[in-house]
């Protein structure tokens, strides 16, 4: 079980980083389009905001997963999904 938790933590960590990088990229695009197209600037700004919010949610879930009870519940749910797919 412990190995699974470390694996999940690593995957979540990489996903958080990907979301943060997406937010940075979207911000750069929003800045680039600020003078040319306010519609595109707003659109990329919104994408950046959503990516940052998603990263925060994942980080909070990852922090909570250090709680042994929640960790067990997450693993049981994961096992149920794997069994259903097989």
C-alpha atoms as a PDB file:
ATOM      1  CA  UNK A   1       0.000   0.000   0.000  1.00  0.00           C
ATOM      2  CA  UNK A   2       2.772   2.411   0.873  1.00  0.00           C
ATOM      3  CA  UNK A   3       4.306   2.052  -2.605  1.00  0.00           C
ATOM      4  CA  UNK A   4       0.970   2.907  -4.208  1.00  0.00           C
ATOM      5  CA  UNK A   5       0.667   6.010  -2.060  1.00  0.00           C
ATOM      6  CA  UNK A   6       4.151   7.198  -3.065  1.00  0.00           C
ATOM      7  CA  UNK A   7       3.321   6.492  -6.705  1.00  0.00           C
ATOM      8  CA  UNK A   8       0.056   8.436  -6.425  1.00  0.00           C
ATOM      9  CA  UNK A   9       1.854  11.298  -4.700  1.00  0.00           C
ATOM     10  CA  UNK A  10       4.413  11.406  -7.495  1.00  0.00           C
ATOM     11  CA  UNK A  11       1.734  11.410 -10.161  1.00  0.00           C
ATOM     12  CA  UNK A  12      -0.214  14.131  -8.389  1.00  0.00           C
ATOM     13  CA  UNK A  13       2.956  16.163  -7.968  1.00  0.00           C
ATOM     14  CA  UNK A  14       3.690  15.950 -11.685  1.00  0.00           C
ATOM     15  CA  UNK A  15       0.112  16.884 -12.529  1.00  0.00           C
ATOM     16  CA  UNK A  16       0.278  19.882 -10.194  1.00  0.00           C
ATOM     17  CA  UNK A  17       3.473  21.023 -11.903  1.00  0.00           C
ATOM     18  CA  UNK A  18       1.893  20.549 -15.348  1.00  0.00           C
ATOM     19  CA  UNK A  19      -1.095  22.659 -14.317  1.00  0.00           C
ATOM     20  CA  UNK A  20       1.196  25.374 -12.954  1.00  0.00           C
ATOM     21  CA  UNK A  21       3.209  25.375 -16.189  1.00  0.00           C
ATOM     22  CA  UNK A  22      -0.013  25.563 -18.201  1.00  0.00           C
ATOM     23  CA  UNK A  23      -1.099  28.553 -16.107  1.00  0.00           C
ATOM     24  CA  UNK A  24       2.238  30.302 -16.734  1.00  0.00           C
ATOM     25  CA  UNK A  25       2.025  29.636 -20.467  1.00  0.00           C
ATOM     26  CA  UNK A  26      -1.577  30.865 -20.630  1.00  0.00           C
ATOM     27  CA  UNK A  27      -0.574  34.024 -18.758  1.00  0.00           C
ATOM     28  CA  UNK A  28       2.185  34.682 -21.287  1.00  0.00           C
ATOM     29  CA  UNK A  29      -0.305  34.257 -24.130  1.00  0.00           C
ATOM     30  CA  UNK A  30      -2.808  36.531 -22.374  1.00  0.00           C
ATOM     31  CA  UNK A  31      -0.105  39.196 -22.060  1.00  0.00           C
ATOM     32  CA  UNK A  32       0.884  38.771 -25.689  1.00  0.00           C
ATOM     33  CA  UNK A  33      -2.702  39.242 -26.879  1.00  0.00           C
ATOM     34  CA  UNK A  34      -3.568  42.051 -24.444  1.00  0.00           C
ATOM     35  CA  UNK A  35      -3.100  44.782 -27.066  1.00  0.00           C
ATOM     36  CA  UNK A  36      -4.107  42.801 -30.156  1.00  0.00           C
ATOM     37  CA  UNK A  37      -7.213  40.954 -29.040  1.00  0.00           C
ATOM     38  CA  UNK A  38      -8.974  41.535 -25.747  1.00  0.00           C
ATOM     39  CA  UNK A  39     -11.123  38.440 -26.401  1.00  0.00           C
ATOM     40  CA  UNK A  40      -8.072  36.165 -26.630  1.00  0.00           C
ATOM     41  CA  UNK A  41      -6.408  37.880 -23.689  1.00  0.00           C
ATOM     42  CA  UNK A  42      -9.466  37.223 -21.510  1.00  0.00           C
ATOM     43  CA  UNK A  43      -9.726  33.643 -22.781  1.00  0.00           C
ATOM     44  CA  UNK A  44      -6.103  32.810 -21.958  1.00  0.00           C
ATOM     45  CA  UNK A  45      -6.356  34.656 -18.663  1.00  0.00           C
ATOM     46  CA  UNK A  46      -9.337  32.504 -17.723  1.00  0.00           C
ATOM     47  CA  UNK A  47      -7.476  29.329 -18.727  1.00  0.00           C
ATOM     48  CA  UNK A  48      -4.582  30.384 -16.492  1.00  0.00           C
ATOM     49  CA  UNK A  49      -6.939  31.020 -13.594  1.00  0.00           C
ATOM     50  CA  UNK A  50      -8.611  27.613 -13.987  1.00  0.00           C
ATOM     51  CA  UNK A  51      -5.264  25.813 -14.158  1.00  0.00           C
ATOM     52  CA  UNK A  52      -4.060  27.557 -10.994  1.00  0.00           C
ATOM     53  CA  UNK A  53      -7.298  26.678  -9.174  1.00  0.00           C
ATOM     54  CA  UNK A  54      -7.036  23.039 -10.284  1.00  0.00           C
ATOM     55  CA  UNK A  55      -3.431  22.902  -9.040  1.00  0.00           C
ATOM     56  CA  UNK A  56      -4.539  24.236  -5.639  1.00  0.00           C
ATOM     57  CA  UNK A  57      -7.297  21.614  -5.393  1.00  0.00           C
ATOM     58  CA  UNK A  58      -4.891  18.802  -6.269  1.00  0.00           C
ATOM     59  CA  UNK A  59      -2.336  20.082  -3.783  1.00  0.00           C
ATOM     60  CA  UNK A  60      -4.993  20.151  -1.042  1.00  0.00           C
ATOM     61  CA  UNK A  61      -6.047  16.598  -1.912  1.00  0.00           C
ATOM     62  CA  UNK A  62      -2.443  15.466  -1.832  1.00  0.00           C
ATOM     63  CA  UNK A  63      -1.976  17.106   1.573  1.00  0.00           C
ATOM     64  CA  UNK A  64      -5.103  15.383   2.861  1.00  0.00           C
ATOM     65  CA  UNK A  65      -3.960  12.026   1.528  1.00  0.00           C
ATOM     66  CA  UNK A  66      -1.324  11.960   4.262  1.00  0.00           C
ATOM     67  CA  UNK A  67      -4.258  11.273   6.597  1.00  0.00           C
ATOM     68  CA  UNK A  68      -4.238   7.447   7.065  1.00  0.00           C
ATOM     69  CA  UNK A  69      -8.042   7.167   7.004  1.00  0.00           C
ATOM     70  CA  UNK A  70      -8.390   9.126   3.776  1.00  0.00           C
ATOM     71  CA  UNK A  71      -5.454   7.214   2.294  1.00  0.00           C
ATOM     72  CA  UNK A  72      -7.222   3.905   2.981  1.00  0.00           C
ATOM     73  CA  UNK A  73     -10.470   5.189   1.462  1.00  0.00           C
ATOM     74  CA  UNK A  74      -8.655   6.394  -1.643  1.00  0.00           C
ATOM     75  CA  UNK A  75      -6.922   3.029  -2.094  1.00  0.00           C
ATOM     76  CA  UNK A  76     -10.172   1.111  -1.631  1.00  0.00           C
ATOM     77  CA  UNK A  77     -11.887   3.281  -4.228  1.00  0.00           C
ATOM     78  CA  UNK A  78      -8.942   2.791  -6.567  1.00  0.00           C
ATOM     79  CA  UNK A  79      -9.061  -0.986  -6.067  1.00  0.00           C
ATOM     80  CA  UNK A  80     -12.794  -0.989  -6.839  1.00  0.00           C
ATOM     81  CA  UNK A  81     -12.190   0.865 -10.111  1.00  0.00           C
ATOM     82  CA  UNK A  82      -9.429  -1.534 -11.129  1.00  0.00           C
ATOM     83  CA  UNK A  83     -11.634  -4.549 -10.380  1.00  0.00           C
ATOM     84  CA  UNK A  84     -14.514  -3.042 -12.359  1.00  0.00           C
ATOM     85  CA  UNK A  85     -12.274  -2.515 -15.391  1.00  0.00           C
ATOM     86  CA  UNK A  86     -10.868  -6.044 -15.300  1.00  0.00           C
END
